Amino acid sequence: MTRDPLDESFPLGDGVADAAAHVDCPYCGAEVELPLDPGGGAIQRYVEDCEVCCRPWQLTVRWGPSGAATVEARTDEG
């Protein structure tokens, strides 16, 4: 098997298929499952709306060297 040179530059790019996290909405408290994209970089920041109350979260996803992700959801107020 030939090693793809992009794997060296982007080691998280395809290492975790169907990655997801369960996050509690910081507004309504509902637990929501979010798909995660390990190919988006080691640290990702973006806005996601709660699928229950529709309020926007500020999400931070951090991928560790082992491929595990930690997810933090915050309100617009911090």
N, C-alpha and C. Protein backbone atom coordinates (compact mmCIF):
# COMPACT_ATOMS: atom_id res chain seq x y z
N MET A 1 0.85 -1.18 0.00
CA MET A 1 0.00 0.00 0.00
C MET A 1 0.89 1.24 0.00
N THR A 2 0.61 2.17 -0.89
CA THR A 2 1.37 3.41 -0.99
C THR A 2 0.81 4.43 -0.02
N ARG A 3 1.69 5.08 0.72
CA ARG A 3 1.28 6.10 1.70
C ARG A 3 0.97 7.40 0.97
N ASP A 4 -0.17 7.99 1.27
CA ASP A 4 -0.58 9.27 0.67
C ASP A 4 0.21 10.39 1.34
N PRO A 5 0.95 11.22 0.58
CA PRO A 5 1.73 12.30 1.17
C PRO A 5 0.87 13.33 1.92
N LEU A 6 -0.40 13.44 1.59
CA LEU A 6 -1.27 14.37 2.30
C LEU A 6 -1.51 13.93 3.73
N ASP A 7 -1.40 12.61 4.01
CA ASP A 7 -1.58 12.14 5.37
C ASP A 7 -0.52 12.71 6.30
N GLU A 8 0.65 13.02 5.79
CA GLU A 8 1.71 13.61 6.61
C GLU A 8 1.36 15.05 6.99
N SER A 9 0.81 15.80 6.05
CA SER A 9 0.46 17.20 6.29
C SER A 9 -0.86 17.35 7.04
N PHE A 10 -1.78 16.43 6.79
CA PHE A 10 -3.12 16.50 7.38
C PHE A 10 -3.45 15.15 8.00
N PRO A 11 -2.81 14.81 9.13
CA PRO A 11 -2.99 13.47 9.69
C PRO A 11 -4.40 13.18 10.19
N LEU A 12 -5.19 14.20 10.48
CA LEU A 12 -6.55 13.97 10.98
C LEU A 12 -7.57 13.92 9.85
N GLY A 13 -7.13 14.10 8.63
CA GLY A 13 -8.04 14.26 7.50
C GLY A 13 -9.05 13.16 7.30
N ASP A 14 -8.66 11.91 7.49
CA ASP A 14 -9.62 10.84 7.28
C ASP A 14 -9.51 9.75 8.33
N GLY A 15 -8.91 10.07 9.44
CA GLY A 15 -8.65 9.06 10.46
C GLY A 15 -9.86 8.63 11.25
N VAL A 16 -10.90 9.43 11.33
CA VAL A 16 -12.07 9.09 12.14
C VAL A 16 -13.31 9.22 11.27
N ALA A 17 -13.86 8.09 10.88
CA ALA A 17 -15.06 8.11 10.06
C ALA A 17 -16.28 8.24 10.96
N ASP A 18 -17.25 8.98 10.50
CA ASP A 18 -18.52 9.13 11.23
C ASP A 18 -18.32 9.63 12.66
N ALA A 19 -17.39 10.56 12.86
CA ALA A 19 -17.15 11.12 14.18
C ALA A 19 -18.34 11.99 14.59
N ALA A 20 -18.71 11.88 15.85
CA ALA A 20 -19.83 12.68 16.36
C ALA A 20 -19.60 12.94 17.84
N ALA A 21 -20.27 13.96 18.34
CA ALA A 21 -20.20 14.30 19.76
C ALA A 21 -21.61 14.60 20.25
N HIS A 22 -21.85 14.30 21.50
CA HIS A 22 -23.11 14.67 22.15
C HIS A 22 -22.84 15.92 22.97
N VAL A 23 -23.60 16.97 22.67
CA VAL A 23 -23.40 18.28 23.29
C VAL A 23 -24.71 18.73 23.93
N ASP A 24 -24.61 19.28 25.14
CA ASP A 24 -25.78 19.87 25.79
C ASP A 24 -25.89 21.33 25.37
N CYS A 25 -27.07 21.72 24.89
CA CYS A 25 -27.29 23.11 24.48
C CYS A 25 -27.10 24.03 25.69
N PRO A 26 -26.27 25.08 25.55
CA PRO A 26 -26.07 25.99 26.67
C PRO A 26 -27.29 26.87 26.96
N TYR A 27 -28.29 26.84 26.09
CA TYR A 27 -29.51 27.63 26.30
C TYR A 27 -30.63 26.78 26.91
N CYS A 28 -31.03 25.71 26.20
CA CYS A 28 -32.20 24.94 26.64
C CYS A 28 -31.85 23.63 27.34
N GLY A 29 -30.58 23.23 27.29
CA GLY A 29 -30.14 22.02 27.97
C GLY A 29 -30.36 20.72 27.20
N ALA A 30 -30.97 20.79 26.02
CA ALA A 30 -31.21 19.58 25.24
C ALA A 30 -29.89 18.96 24.80
N GLU A 31 -29.82 17.63 24.81
CA GLU A 31 -28.64 16.94 24.30
C GLU A 31 -28.80 16.76 22.79
N VAL A 32 -27.79 17.20 22.05
CA VAL A 32 -27.83 17.16 20.59
C VAL A 32 -26.59 16.42 20.10
N GLU A 33 -26.77 15.58 19.11
CA GLU A 33 -25.63 14.89 18.50
C GLU A 33 -25.14 15.72 17.31
N LEU A 34 -23.85 16.02 17.32
CA LEU A 34 -23.24 16.81 16.24
C LEU A 34 -22.26 15.96 15.46
N PRO A 35 -22.35 15.98 14.14
CA PRO A 35 -21.30 15.34 13.36
C PRO A 35 -20.03 16.19 13.45
N LEU A 36 -18.88 15.54 13.50
CA LEU A 36 -17.61 16.25 13.57
C LEU A 36 -16.79 15.94 12.33
N ASP A 37 -15.97 16.90 11.92
CA ASP A 37 -15.13 16.75 10.74
C ASP A 37 -13.66 16.80 11.16
N PRO A 38 -13.01 15.65 11.32
CA PRO A 38 -11.61 15.67 11.72
C PRO A 38 -10.71 16.32 10.68
N GLY A 39 -11.17 16.42 9.44
CA GLY A 39 -10.38 17.04 8.38
C GLY A 39 -10.40 18.55 8.41
N GLY A 40 -11.19 19.15 9.32
CA GLY A 40 -11.30 20.60 9.39
C GLY A 40 -10.19 21.29 10.16
N GLY A 41 -9.25 20.53 10.69
CA GLY A 41 -8.13 21.12 11.42
C GLY A 41 -8.15 20.70 12.87
N ALA A 42 -7.01 20.86 13.54
CA ALA A 42 -6.86 20.43 14.93
C ALA A 42 -7.73 21.26 15.88
N ILE A 43 -7.91 22.54 15.57
CA ILE A 43 -8.80 23.41 16.36
C ILE A 43 -9.78 24.05 15.39
N GLN A 44 -11.06 23.88 15.67
CA GLN A 44 -12.11 24.42 14.81
C GLN A 44 -13.05 25.28 15.64
N ARG A 45 -13.42 26.43 15.09
CA ARG A 45 -14.39 27.31 15.74
C ARG A 45 -15.45 27.67 14.71
N TYR A 46 -16.71 27.48 15.10
CA TYR A 46 -17.80 27.81 14.18
C TYR A 46 -19.10 27.95 14.96
N VAL A 47 -20.14 28.40 14.28
CA VAL A 47 -21.46 28.59 14.89
C VAL A 47 -22.37 27.47 14.42
N GLU A 48 -23.10 26.90 15.37
CA GLU A 48 -24.07 25.84 15.08
C GLU A 48 -25.34 26.18 15.83
N ASP A 49 -26.49 26.06 15.18
CA ASP A 49 -27.77 26.31 15.84
C ASP A 49 -28.27 25.05 16.52
N CYS A 50 -28.84 25.21 17.71
CA CYS A 50 -29.46 24.10 18.42
C CYS A 50 -30.64 23.60 17.59
N GLU A 51 -30.72 22.28 17.40
CA GLU A 51 -31.83 21.74 16.61
C GLU A 51 -33.15 21.73 17.39
N VAL A 52 -33.11 22.03 18.69
CA VAL A 52 -34.31 22.07 19.51
C VAL A 52 -34.83 23.50 19.65
N CYS A 53 -33.98 24.42 20.16
CA CYS A 53 -34.44 25.79 20.42
C CYS A 53 -33.97 26.80 19.35
N CYS A 54 -33.14 26.36 18.43
CA CYS A 54 -32.68 27.16 17.28
C CYS A 54 -31.76 28.32 17.65
N ARG A 55 -31.29 28.39 18.87
CA ARG A 55 -30.37 29.47 19.25
C ARG A 55 -28.95 29.10 18.87
N PRO A 56 -28.13 30.10 18.51
CA PRO A 56 -26.78 29.81 18.01
C PRO A 56 -25.77 29.55 19.12
N TRP A 57 -24.95 28.52 18.92
CA TRP A 57 -23.85 28.22 19.83
C TRP A 57 -22.55 28.66 19.18
N GLN A 58 -21.60 29.02 19.99
CA GLN A 58 -20.22 29.19 19.56
C GLN A 58 -19.52 27.87 19.90
N LEU A 59 -19.15 27.11 18.90
CA LEU A 59 -18.53 25.81 19.13
C LEU A 59 -17.02 25.88 18.95
N THR A 60 -16.32 25.18 19.81
CA THR A 60 -14.89 24.98 19.66
C THR A 60 -14.65 23.48 19.74
N VAL A 61 -14.03 22.94 18.71
CA VAL A 61 -13.69 21.52 18.65
C VAL A 61 -12.17 21.43 18.62
N ARG A 62 -11.62 20.65 19.53
CA ARG A 62 -10.17 20.44 19.58
C ARG A 62 -9.89 18.95 19.41
N TRP A 63 -9.08 18.63 18.41
CA TRP A 63 -8.68 17.26 18.15
C TRP A 63 -7.32 17.00 18.77
N GLY A 64 -7.22 15.98 19.60
CA GLY A 64 -5.96 15.61 20.23
C GLY A 64 -5.14 14.71 19.33
N PRO A 65 -3.89 14.48 19.69
CA PRO A 65 -3.01 13.63 18.89
C PRO A 65 -3.52 12.20 18.72
N SER A 66 -4.33 11.73 19.67
CA SER A 66 -4.87 10.37 19.59
C SER A 66 -6.06 10.28 18.65
N GLY A 67 -6.57 11.43 18.19
CA GLY A 67 -7.75 11.45 17.33
C GLY A 67 -9.04 11.71 18.07
N ALA A 68 -8.97 11.83 19.40
CA ALA A 68 -10.16 12.13 20.19
C ALA A 68 -10.46 13.62 20.15
N ALA A 69 -11.74 13.96 20.16
CA ALA A 69 -12.15 15.37 20.10
C ALA A 69 -12.79 15.79 21.40
N THR A 70 -12.55 17.04 21.78
CA THR A 70 -13.30 17.67 22.86
C THR A 70 -14.10 18.81 22.23
N VAL A 71 -15.34 18.95 22.68
CA VAL A 71 -16.24 19.95 22.10
C VAL A 71 -16.76 20.84 23.21
N GLU A 72 -16.71 22.14 22.97
CA GLU A 72 -17.24 23.12 23.92
C GLU A 72 -18.27 23.97 23.20
N ALA A 73 -19.49 24.04 23.77
CA ALA A 73 -20.56 24.87 23.23
C ALA A 73 -20.83 26.00 24.19
N ARG A 74 -20.77 27.23 23.68
CA ARG A 74 -21.01 28.42 24.52
C ARG A 74 -22.08 29.27 23.89
N THR A 75 -22.67 30.12 24.74
CA THR A 75 -23.67 31.08 24.24
C THR A 75 -22.92 32.26 23.61
N ASP A 76 -23.68 33.12 22.94
CA ASP A 76 -23.09 34.34 22.37
C ASP A 76 -22.52 35.23 23.45
N GLU A 77 -23.08 35.14 24.66
CA GLU A 77 -22.63 35.98 25.77
C GLU A 77 -21.33 35.48 26.36
N GLY A 78 -20.88 34.29 26.00
CA GLY A 78 -19.63 33.78 26.54
C GLY A 78 -19.83 32.58 27.30
